[in-house]
Amino acid sequence: EGNEPGDSAKITYSELLHRVCQFANVLRSQGVKKGDRISIYMPMILELVVAMLACARIGALHSIVFAGFSAESLCERILDCGCSLLIT
């Protein structure tokens, strides 16, 4: 279910696994490895779930900052946790 009424999508477990594995490979190609810290700055969309699960799949720690936060708040959170990558 999305933020707007009537905003929804359906996905099978197989499709979700495929997307998560693809994104995990993208993260690995960017040099992300187990134990790295990553910030995710996205609205409530399917890609947010894919990004979270891809981080978990490779063992990277993730911090979610929802898209309603200001640039200053995002910056503070990134600096506080020492993130090496920001997913938007």
N, C-alpha and C. Protein backbone atom coordinates (compact mmCIF):
# COMPACT_ATOMS: atom_id res chain seq x y z
N GLU A 1 0.85 -1.18 0.00
CA GLU A 1 0.00 0.00 0.00
C GLU A 1 0.89 1.24 0.00
N GLY A 2 0.56 2.18 -0.86
CA GLY A 2 1.33 3.41 -0.95
C GLY A 2 0.78 4.50 -0.04
N ASN A 3 1.31 5.70 -0.19
CA ASN A 3 0.88 6.83 0.64
C ASN A 3 -0.49 7.35 0.23
N GLU A 4 -0.78 7.32 -1.06
CA GLU A 4 -2.05 7.83 -1.56
C GLU A 4 -3.11 6.74 -1.53
N PRO A 5 -4.37 7.11 -1.25
CA PRO A 5 -5.44 6.11 -1.29
C PRO A 5 -5.54 5.50 -2.70
N GLY A 6 -5.66 4.20 -2.75
CA GLY A 6 -5.75 3.51 -4.03
C GLY A 6 -4.41 3.24 -4.67
N ASP A 7 -3.33 3.67 -4.04
CA ASP A 7 -1.97 3.45 -4.53
C ASP A 7 -1.48 2.12 -3.99
N SER A 8 -1.45 1.10 -4.84
CA SER A 8 -0.99 -0.20 -4.36
C SER A 8 -0.32 -0.96 -5.50
N ALA A 9 0.44 -1.97 -5.12
CA ALA A 9 1.12 -2.82 -6.10
C ALA A 9 1.16 -4.23 -5.55
N LYS A 10 1.20 -5.20 -6.45
CA LYS A 10 1.31 -6.60 -6.05
C LYS A 10 2.59 -7.16 -6.63
N ILE A 11 3.27 -7.96 -5.82
CA ILE A 11 4.52 -8.57 -6.25
C ILE A 11 4.61 -9.95 -5.61
N THR A 12 5.13 -10.90 -6.33
CA THR A 12 5.29 -12.24 -5.78
C THR A 12 6.62 -12.31 -5.02
N TYR A 13 6.75 -13.34 -4.19
CA TYR A 13 8.01 -13.54 -3.48
C TYR A 13 9.15 -13.74 -4.46
N SER A 14 8.88 -14.44 -5.54
CA SER A 14 9.92 -14.70 -6.54
C SER A 14 10.38 -13.39 -7.20
N GLU A 15 9.44 -12.52 -7.55
CA GLU A 15 9.79 -11.23 -8.14
C GLU A 15 10.57 -10.37 -7.15
N LEU A 16 10.14 -10.39 -5.88
CA LEU A 16 10.84 -9.63 -4.86
C LEU A 16 12.27 -10.14 -4.67
N LEU A 17 12.44 -11.45 -4.61
CA LEU A 17 13.77 -12.03 -4.48
C LEU A 17 14.66 -11.62 -5.65
N HIS A 18 14.13 -11.65 -6.86
CA HIS A 18 14.89 -11.27 -8.04
C HIS A 18 15.35 -9.82 -7.94
N ARG A 19 14.45 -8.91 -7.55
CA ARG A 19 14.80 -7.49 -7.42
C ARG A 19 15.82 -7.26 -6.32
N VAL A 20 15.65 -7.95 -5.21
CA VAL A 20 16.58 -7.80 -4.08
C VAL A 20 17.97 -8.28 -4.48
N CYS A 21 18.06 -9.41 -5.15
CA CYS A 21 19.36 -9.93 -5.59
C CYS A 21 20.02 -8.99 -6.59
N GLN A 22 19.23 -8.43 -7.51
CA GLN A 22 19.77 -7.47 -8.47
C GLN A 22 20.35 -6.26 -7.75
N PHE A 23 19.59 -5.71 -6.80
CA PHE A 23 20.06 -4.51 -6.11
C PHE A 23 21.24 -4.82 -5.19
N ALA A 24 21.26 -6.00 -4.60
CA ALA A 24 22.41 -6.41 -3.78
C ALA A 24 23.67 -6.45 -4.65
N ASN A 25 23.54 -6.92 -5.87
CA ASN A 25 24.68 -6.95 -6.79
C ASN A 25 25.12 -5.53 -7.16
N VAL A 26 24.18 -4.61 -7.30
CA VAL A 26 24.52 -3.21 -7.56
C VAL A 26 25.30 -2.64 -6.38
N LEU A 27 24.85 -2.92 -5.17
CA LEU A 27 25.55 -2.43 -3.98
C LEU A 27 26.95 -3.01 -3.91
N ARG A 28 27.09 -4.30 -4.19
CA ARG A 28 28.42 -4.93 -4.19
C ARG A 28 29.33 -4.29 -5.23
N SER A 29 28.77 -3.96 -6.40
CA SER A 29 29.58 -3.34 -7.45
C SER A 29 30.05 -1.94 -7.05
N GLN A 30 29.35 -1.32 -6.10
CA GLN A 30 29.74 -0.01 -5.59
C GLN A 30 30.71 -0.13 -4.41
N GLY A 31 31.09 -1.35 -4.08
CA GLY A 31 32.07 -1.58 -3.03
C GLY A 31 31.48 -1.78 -1.64
N VAL A 32 30.17 -1.92 -1.54
CA VAL A 32 29.54 -2.13 -0.23
C VAL A 32 29.79 -3.57 0.20
N LYS A 33 30.17 -3.73 1.47
CA LYS A 33 30.44 -5.06 1.99
C LYS A 33 29.80 -5.20 3.38
N LYS A 34 29.88 -6.39 3.92
CA LYS A 34 29.30 -6.70 5.22
C LYS A 34 29.82 -5.72 6.27
N GLY A 35 28.91 -5.16 7.06
CA GLY A 35 29.28 -4.24 8.13
C GLY A 35 29.28 -2.77 7.73
N ASP A 36 29.23 -2.47 6.43
CA ASP A 36 29.16 -1.07 5.99
C ASP A 36 27.82 -0.46 6.42
N ARG A 37 27.83 0.85 6.59
CA ARG A 37 26.61 1.56 6.99
C ARG A 37 26.07 2.31 5.78
N ILE A 38 24.76 2.17 5.57
CA ILE A 38 24.10 2.79 4.43
C ILE A 38 22.86 3.52 4.92
N SER A 39 22.64 4.73 4.39
CA SER A 39 21.40 5.47 4.66
C SER A 39 20.49 5.34 3.46
N ILE A 40 19.20 5.19 3.74
CA ILE A 40 18.20 5.10 2.68
C ILE A 40 17.24 6.26 2.88
N TYR A 41 17.12 7.11 1.86
CA TYR A 41 16.27 8.31 1.91
C TYR A 41 15.24 8.19 0.80
N MET A 42 14.08 7.59 1.12
CA MET A 42 13.06 7.31 0.11
C MET A 42 11.67 7.42 0.72
N PRO A 43 10.67 7.67 -0.12
CA PRO A 43 9.29 7.61 0.37
C PRO A 43 8.85 6.14 0.50
N MET A 44 7.65 5.92 0.94
CA MET A 44 7.12 4.56 1.12
C MET A 44 6.75 3.97 -0.24
N ILE A 45 7.75 3.41 -0.92
CA ILE A 45 7.55 2.77 -2.21
C ILE A 45 8.20 1.39 -2.17
N LEU A 46 7.89 0.58 -3.14
CA LEU A 46 8.40 -0.79 -3.18
C LEU A 46 9.93 -0.82 -3.20
N GLU A 47 10.54 0.14 -3.85
CA GLU A 47 12.00 0.18 -3.93
C GLU A 47 12.65 0.36 -2.57
N LEU A 48 11.94 0.98 -1.62
CA LEU A 48 12.46 1.10 -0.26
C LEU A 48 12.62 -0.28 0.36
N VAL A 49 11.62 -1.13 0.20
CA VAL A 49 11.68 -2.49 0.73
C VAL A 49 12.81 -3.27 0.06
N VAL A 50 12.94 -3.12 -1.26
CA VAL A 50 14.01 -3.80 -2.00
C VAL A 50 15.37 -3.36 -1.47
N ALA A 51 15.56 -2.06 -1.26
CA ALA A 51 16.84 -1.55 -0.76
C ALA A 51 17.15 -2.09 0.63
N MET A 52 16.15 -2.10 1.51
CA MET A 52 16.36 -2.61 2.87
C MET A 52 16.76 -4.09 2.85
N LEU A 53 16.04 -4.88 2.07
CA LEU A 53 16.33 -6.31 2.01
C LEU A 53 17.67 -6.60 1.33
N ALA A 54 18.04 -5.78 0.35
CA ALA A 54 19.34 -5.95 -0.31
C ALA A 54 20.47 -5.68 0.67
N CYS A 55 20.31 -4.65 1.49
CA CYS A 55 21.31 -4.36 2.53
C CYS A 55 21.43 -5.54 3.49
N ALA A 56 20.29 -6.05 3.94
CA ALA A 56 20.30 -7.18 4.86
C ALA A 56 20.92 -8.40 4.21
N ARG A 57 20.69 -8.59 2.93
CA ARG A 57 21.21 -9.76 2.21
C ARG A 57 22.73 -9.79 2.19
N ILE A 58 23.36 -8.61 2.05
CA ILE A 58 24.82 -8.59 2.00
C ILE A 58 25.45 -8.29 3.37
N GLY A 59 24.61 -8.06 4.37
CA GLY A 59 25.12 -7.83 5.73
C GLY A 59 25.49 -6.39 6.03
N ALA A 60 25.01 -5.46 5.20
CA ALA A 60 25.26 -4.04 5.45
C ALA A 60 24.18 -3.51 6.40
N LEU A 61 24.58 -2.62 7.28
CA LEU A 61 23.63 -1.99 8.20
C LEU A 61 22.94 -0.85 7.48
N HIS A 62 21.63 -0.71 7.68
CA HIS A 62 20.93 0.38 7.01
C HIS A 62 20.16 1.23 7.99
N SER A 63 20.10 2.51 7.67
CA SER A 63 19.34 3.48 8.45
C SER A 63 18.36 4.15 7.50
N ILE A 64 17.08 4.10 7.85
CA ILE A 64 16.07 4.67 6.97
C ILE A 64 15.72 6.07 7.45
N VAL A 65 15.81 7.01 6.53
CA VAL A 65 15.39 8.39 6.78
C VAL A 65 14.27 8.67 5.79
N PHE A 66 13.06 8.83 6.28
CA PHE A 66 11.93 9.00 5.37
C PHE A 66 12.00 10.34 4.66
N ALA A 67 11.46 10.38 3.47
CA ALA A 67 11.61 11.50 2.55
C ALA A 67 11.05 12.83 3.08
N GLY A 68 10.31 12.81 4.15
CA GLY A 68 9.77 14.05 4.70
C GLY A 68 10.78 14.87 5.48
N PHE A 69 11.95 14.31 5.79
CA PHE A 69 12.96 15.03 6.54
C PHE A 69 13.67 16.06 5.68
N SER A 70 14.13 17.12 6.29
CA SER A 70 14.84 18.18 5.56
C SER A 70 16.26 17.72 5.23
N ALA A 71 16.91 18.47 4.35
CA ALA A 71 18.29 18.15 3.96
C ALA A 71 19.22 18.21 5.17
N GLU A 72 18.99 19.17 6.07
CA GLU A 72 19.83 19.31 7.26
C GLU A 72 19.68 18.09 8.18
N SER A 73 18.43 17.63 8.36
CA SER A 73 18.19 16.46 9.20
C SER A 73 18.84 15.22 8.60
N LEU A 74 18.74 15.10 7.29
CA LEU A 74 19.36 13.97 6.61
C LEU A 74 20.88 14.01 6.81
N CYS A 75 21.46 15.18 6.65
CA CYS A 75 22.91 15.35 6.81
C CYS A 75 23.35 14.95 8.22
N GLU A 76 22.60 15.38 9.23
CA GLU A 76 22.94 15.04 10.61
C GLU A 76 22.92 13.53 10.84
N ARG A 77 21.92 12.87 10.31
CA ARG A 77 21.81 11.43 10.49
C ARG A 77 22.92 10.67 9.77
N ILE A 78 23.28 11.14 8.59
CA ILE A 78 24.37 10.51 7.85
C ILE A 78 25.68 10.65 8.61
N LEU A 79 25.95 11.84 9.11
CA LEU A 79 27.19 12.07 9.85
C LEU A 79 27.21 11.30 11.17
N ASP A 80 26.07 11.24 11.86
CA ASP A 80 26.01 10.53 13.14
C ASP A 80 26.33 9.04 13.01
N CYS A 81 25.85 8.42 11.96
CA CYS A 81 26.08 6.97 11.85
C CYS A 81 27.26 6.61 10.95
N GLY A 82 27.90 7.60 10.34
CA GLY A 82 29.09 7.34 9.54
C GLY A 82 28.82 6.53 8.28
N CYS A 83 27.76 6.88 7.59
CA CYS A 83 27.36 6.13 6.38
C CYS A 83 28.37 6.31 5.25
N SER A 84 28.52 5.23 4.50
CA SER A 84 29.43 5.27 3.34
C SER A 84 28.66 5.42 2.04
N LEU A 85 27.31 5.28 2.09
CA LEU A 85 26.49 5.34 0.88
C LEU A 85 25.10 5.85 1.23
N LEU A 86 24.53 6.65 0.35
CA LEU A 86 23.16 7.13 0.50
C LEU A 86 22.35 6.64 -0.69
N ILE A 87 21.26 5.95 -0.42
CA ILE A 87 20.36 5.47 -1.47
C ILE A 87 19.15 6.40 -1.50
N THR A 88 18.88 6.98 -2.65
CA THR A 88 17.72 7.88 -2.80
C THR A 88 16.81 7.40 -3.89
